[in-house]
Amino acid sequence: MPILLKYSKGRMRGDTMPGRSEVLDAIKDYDSKKYSEDFYNFYLNKISRAVEPAEQLVTDVRHLFHWFLGKVHTEATAAIESVEVNGTIYFLSGMAPSNNACIEEAVKTENLWAGLAFKNGNLPIENFLNYAKSLTRNSIVMPAFFIHIFNPMDYPILNNKVWAAYREELGRNVFINTKPKNWDNYLEYVGYCNYLKRRLGLSLREIDKGLWVIGERLKEIARQQDKEDSNIAGQINLFT
């Protein structure tokens, strides 16, 4: 795909990027309880077999968005719905109105048709991006997940944690509020992950989970640094 090539030709700091063993070791700390792989794969496989935007596809897309937002649990805490996946009961909890609004846009018939066309190779990413962009103006993270669920083999999951890991790779500072801000950021990250996939011999999903943990650790370091800076600032104010 032209866009993937565009964003994977640049220098990737190959001597310092995470190695295969580092990524695999990080995966061990991935929060698989909060983000069930079984639930994720179950609905991803259903979407891969969908041929039209029927009510079942609407439900499957909704459930995957719940998973992405960390709203799928094995305990009935503030549950609004329950589903059974391969013998396990999962409970879905509510979410912020802005997230609900984005999901409602995603499951509109014209957007699901576009997703299916993209999945089948009949709609280029350049065109599908226009549908993803229309879902919300608040963030690119949820629209990027909409792209992912229709082509998970080429388009990784994007969130603030994996973006922090990528920024660190580029030698840039990571702060508490570090997050991807535009679609160029997303396409850069897509190219980076596909580069890692080829270089490390890992799947995009393995890379996603590894970078998720690495990014989470970087965010925690940033939080601790911010706390220390605040304490120092407070001590200085006591003597001024």
Protein backbone atom coordinates (compact mmCIF):
# COMPACT_ATOMS: atom_id res chain seq x y z
CA MET A 1 0.00 0.00 0.00
CA PRO A 2 1.45 3.40 -0.98
CA ILE A 3 0.85 5.05 2.40
CA LEU A 4 2.57 2.22 4.25
CA LEU A 5 5.57 2.54 1.97
CA LYS A 6 5.63 6.30 2.42
CA TYR A 7 5.89 6.02 6.18
CA SER A 8 8.26 3.04 6.38
CA LYS A 9 11.14 4.27 4.22
CA GLY A 10 12.57 6.64 6.84
CA ARG A 11 15.36 5.81 9.27
CA MET A 12 13.96 3.77 12.14
CA ARG A 13 16.92 3.93 14.53
CA GLY A 14 17.37 0.18 14.06
CA ASP A 15 20.20 -0.05 16.59
CA THR A 16 18.01 1.10 19.46
CA MET A 17 14.52 -0.10 18.58
CA PRO A 18 13.01 -2.78 20.82
CA GLY A 19 14.32 -6.23 19.99
CA ARG A 20 12.27 -9.39 19.58
CA SER A 21 13.09 -10.65 23.08
CA GLU A 22 12.24 -7.26 24.65
CA VAL A 23 8.83 -7.21 22.97
CA LEU A 24 8.07 -10.82 23.91
CA ASP A 25 9.19 -10.19 27.48
CA ALA A 26 6.97 -7.10 27.72
CA ILE A 27 3.95 -9.11 26.53
CA LYS A 28 4.15 -11.13 29.75
CA ASP A 29 2.94 -8.04 31.63
CA TYR A 30 0.09 -7.27 29.24
CA ASP A 31 -3.25 -6.85 31.03
CA SER A 32 -4.98 -9.86 29.49
CA LYS A 33 -7.66 -9.82 32.18
CA LYS A 34 -8.86 -6.35 31.23
CA TYR A 35 -8.30 -6.93 27.51
CA SER A 36 -9.34 -10.52 26.89
CA GLU A 37 -7.65 -11.96 23.81
CA ASP A 38 -10.39 -14.55 23.46
CA PHE A 39 -13.09 -11.87 23.36
CA TYR A 40 -11.08 -9.76 20.92
CA ASN A 41 -10.36 -12.63 18.52
CA PHE A 42 -13.92 -13.93 18.67
CA TYR A 43 -15.45 -10.70 17.42
CA LEU A 44 -12.60 -9.91 15.07
CA ASN A 45 -13.15 -13.27 13.36
CA LYS A 46 -16.89 -12.60 13.08
CA ILE A 47 -16.25 -9.26 11.42
CA SER A 48 -13.77 -10.87 9.01
CA ARG A 49 -16.60 -13.12 7.76
CA ALA A 50 -19.24 -10.39 7.49
CA VAL A 51 -20.60 -9.68 4.01
CA GLU A 52 -23.17 -6.96 4.70
CA PRO A 53 -23.93 -4.35 7.37
CA ALA A 54 -26.61 -6.41 9.08
CA GLU A 55 -27.58 -6.03 12.74
CA GLN A 56 -25.06 -8.71 13.70
CA LEU A 57 -22.19 -6.64 12.31
CA VAL A 58 -23.47 -3.62 14.23
CA THR A 59 -23.38 -5.66 17.45
CA ASP A 60 -19.93 -7.10 16.72
CA VAL A 61 -18.44 -3.66 16.06
CA ARG A 62 -20.04 -2.28 19.23
CA HIS A 63 -18.63 -5.11 21.33
CA LEU A 64 -15.12 -4.62 19.96
CA PHE A 65 -15.25 -0.92 20.78
CA HIS A 66 -16.25 -1.84 24.33
CA TRP A 67 -13.21 -4.13 24.48
CA PHE A 68 -10.92 -1.42 23.13
CA LEU A 69 -12.11 1.03 25.77
CA GLY A 70 -11.54 -1.45 28.60
CA LYS A 71 -15.27 -1.87 29.20
CA VAL A 72 -15.42 -5.68 29.04
CA HIS A 73 -15.18 -7.57 32.34
CA THR A 74 -15.62 -11.05 33.76
CA GLU A 75 -17.34 -9.60 36.84
CA ALA A 76 -20.79 -8.01 36.78
CA THR A 77 -19.73 -4.54 37.91
CA ALA A 78 -22.03 -1.79 36.61
CA ALA A 79 -22.85 -4.00 33.64
CA ILE A 80 -25.27 -2.84 30.96
CA GLU A 81 -25.08 -6.06 28.94
CA SER A 82 -23.66 -9.58 29.14
CA VAL A 83 -22.44 -11.88 26.36
CA GLU A 84 -21.05 -15.39 26.22
CA VAL A 85 -17.86 -16.07 24.30
CA ASN A 86 -16.55 -19.62 24.11
CA GLY A 87 -18.15 -20.57 27.41
CA THR A 88 -17.11 -17.44 29.33
CA ILE A 89 -19.62 -14.77 30.37
CA TYR A 90 -18.41 -11.22 29.80
CA PHE A 91 -20.06 -8.08 31.13
CA LEU A 92 -20.04 -4.80 29.21
CA SER A 93 -20.12 -1.55 31.17
CA GLY A 94 -21.16 1.94 30.13
CA MET A 95 -18.90 4.62 28.72
CA ALA A 96 -18.59 8.36 28.24
CA PRO A 97 -21.19 10.06 26.00
CA SER A 98 -18.48 11.17 23.56
CA ASN A 99 -17.36 7.56 23.09
CA ASN A 100 -20.95 6.44 22.61
CA ALA A 101 -21.42 9.13 19.98
CA CYS A 102 -18.34 7.91 18.09
CA ILE A 103 -19.59 4.32 18.13
CA GLU A 104 -23.01 5.41 16.88
CA GLU A 105 -21.30 7.03 13.91
CA ALA A 106 -19.17 3.94 13.30
CA VAL A 107 -22.16 1.60 13.04
CA LYS A 108 -24.04 3.74 10.55
CA THR A 109 -24.79 1.70 7.44
CA GLU A 110 -22.65 3.77 5.06
CA ASN A 111 -19.62 3.50 7.36
CA LEU A 112 -20.02 -0.27 7.76
CA TRP A 113 -20.33 -0.68 3.99
CA ALA A 114 -17.09 1.29 3.65
CA GLY A 115 -15.44 -0.95 6.26
CA LEU A 116 -16.47 -4.08 4.41
CA ALA A 117 -15.22 -2.66 1.10
CA PHE A 118 -11.91 -1.80 2.76
CA LYS A 119 -11.71 -5.28 4.29
CA ASN A 120 -12.24 -6.90 0.89
CA GLY A 121 -9.67 -4.69 -0.84
CA ASN A 122 -12.26 -2.73 -2.81
CA LEU A 123 -11.68 0.60 -1.04
CA PRO A 124 -8.17 2.07 -0.69
CA ILE A 125 -7.00 3.28 2.69
CA GLU A 126 -6.82 6.82 1.31
CA ASN A 127 -10.59 6.71 0.78
CA PHE A 128 -11.45 4.77 3.92
CA LEU A 129 -9.63 7.37 6.00
CA ASN A 130 -12.34 9.86 5.06
CA TYR A 131 -14.97 7.62 6.66
CA ALA A 132 -12.83 7.12 9.77
CA LYS A 133 -12.22 10.85 10.12
CA SER A 134 -15.97 11.49 10.13
CA LEU A 135 -16.56 9.46 13.31
CA THR A 136 -15.37 12.12 15.77
CA ARG A 137 -13.37 15.33 15.96
CA ASN A 138 -12.24 14.69 19.52
CA SER A 139 -9.55 12.09 18.86
CA ILE A 140 -8.01 9.88 16.18
CA VAL A 141 -7.66 6.87 18.52
CA MET A 142 -11.18 5.44 18.19
CA PRO A 143 -11.40 6.09 14.42
CA ALA A 144 -8.02 4.35 14.06
CA PHE A 145 -9.48 1.33 15.87
CA PHE A 146 -12.36 1.34 13.38
CA ILE A 147 -9.73 0.95 10.64
CA HIS A 148 -7.98 -1.79 12.60
CA ILE A 149 -11.01 -4.04 13.02
CA PHE A 150 -11.51 -4.25 9.26
CA ASN A 151 -7.83 -4.93 8.49
CA PRO A 152 -5.97 -6.04 11.64
CA MET A 153 -3.17 -7.65 9.64
CA ASP A 154 -1.88 -4.33 8.29
CA TYR A 155 -3.26 -1.63 10.59
CA PRO A 156 -2.33 -1.86 14.29
CA ILE A 157 -4.26 -0.59 17.29
CA LEU A 158 -3.38 2.98 18.25
CA ASN A 159 -3.60 4.37 21.77
CA ASN A 160 -1.67 6.74 24.02
CA LYS A 161 0.52 3.98 25.43
CA VAL A 162 1.82 2.54 22.15
CA TRP A 163 2.29 6.09 20.88
CA ALA A 164 4.48 6.84 23.91
CA ALA A 165 6.64 3.81 23.07
CA TYR A 166 6.98 5.03 19.48
CA ARG A 167 7.92 8.57 20.56
CA GLU A 168 10.58 7.19 22.86
CA GLU A 169 11.99 5.25 19.91
CA LEU A 170 12.25 8.54 18.02
CA GLY A 171 14.20 10.04 20.89
CA ARG A 172 11.39 12.40 21.93
CA ASN A 173 10.21 13.13 25.44
CA VAL A 174 7.24 11.24 26.85
CA PHE A 175 4.87 13.14 29.14
CA ILE A 176 1.70 12.20 31.01
CA ASN A 177 -0.44 13.71 28.25
CA THR A 178 1.59 12.37 25.30
CA LYS A 179 -0.84 11.22 22.63
CA PRO A 180 -1.19 11.02 18.84
CA LYS A 181 -2.74 14.20 17.49
CA ASN A 182 -3.29 13.81 13.77
CA TRP A 183 -3.59 11.29 10.97
CA ASP A 184 0.01 11.75 9.89
CA ASN A 185 0.93 10.52 13.38
CA TYR A 186 -1.22 7.44 12.85
CA LEU A 187 0.23 6.63 9.43
CA GLU A 188 3.76 7.06 10.76
CA TYR A 189 2.94 4.56 13.47
CA VAL A 190 1.41 2.12 10.98
CA GLY A 191 4.63 2.19 8.97
CA TYR A 192 6.73 1.73 12.10
CA CYS A 193 4.76 -1.30 13.28
CA ASN A 194 4.87 -2.97 9.89
CA TYR A 195 8.61 -2.35 9.82
CA LEU A 196 8.91 -4.01 13.23
CA LYS A 197 6.76 -6.90 12.02
CA ARG A 198 9.15 -7.61 9.17
CA ARG A 199 12.30 -7.01 11.20
CA LEU A 200 11.35 -8.96 14.32
CA GLY A 201 9.25 -11.70 12.74
CA LEU A 202 6.31 -10.99 15.05
CA SER A 203 2.65 -10.41 14.34
CA LEU A 204 1.18 -6.92 14.59
CA ARG A 205 -0.85 -8.10 17.58
CA GLU A 206 2.29 -9.24 19.40
CA ILE A 207 3.96 -5.92 18.63
CA ASP A 208 0.88 -4.05 19.82
CA LYS A 209 0.82 -5.83 23.17
CA GLY A 210 4.56 -5.42 23.69
CA LEU A 211 4.54 -1.71 22.87
CA TRP A 212 1.41 -1.28 25.03
CA VAL A 213 3.38 -2.49 28.06
CA ILE A 214 6.54 -0.56 27.16
CA GLY A 215 4.48 2.60 26.69
CA GLU A 216 2.65 2.04 29.97
CA ARG A 217 6.00 1.84 31.77
CA LEU A 218 7.14 5.07 30.10
CA LYS A 219 3.90 6.78 31.11
CA GLU A 220 4.42 5.67 34.70
CA ILE A 221 7.94 7.12 34.66
CA ALA A 222 6.46 10.38 33.34
CA ARG A 223 3.84 10.37 36.11
CA GLN A 224 6.50 9.86 38.78
CA GLN A 225 8.65 12.62 37.29
CA ASP A 226 5.68 14.97 37.21
CA LYS A 227 4.93 14.18 40.85
CA GLU A 228 8.54 14.83 41.84
CA ASP A 229 8.59 18.12 39.93
CA SER A 230 5.37 19.18 41.68
CA ASN A 231 6.82 18.35 45.09
CA ILE A 232 9.98 20.31 44.35
CA ALA A 233 7.94 23.27 43.12
CA GLY A 234 5.87 23.12 46.31
CA GLN A 235 8.98 23.10 48.51
CA ILE A 236 10.39 26.09 46.65
CA ASN A 237 7.15 28.03 47.20
CA LEU A 238 7.43 27.43 50.95
CA PHE A 239 10.65 29.42 51.03
CA THR A 240 9.73 32.24 48.65
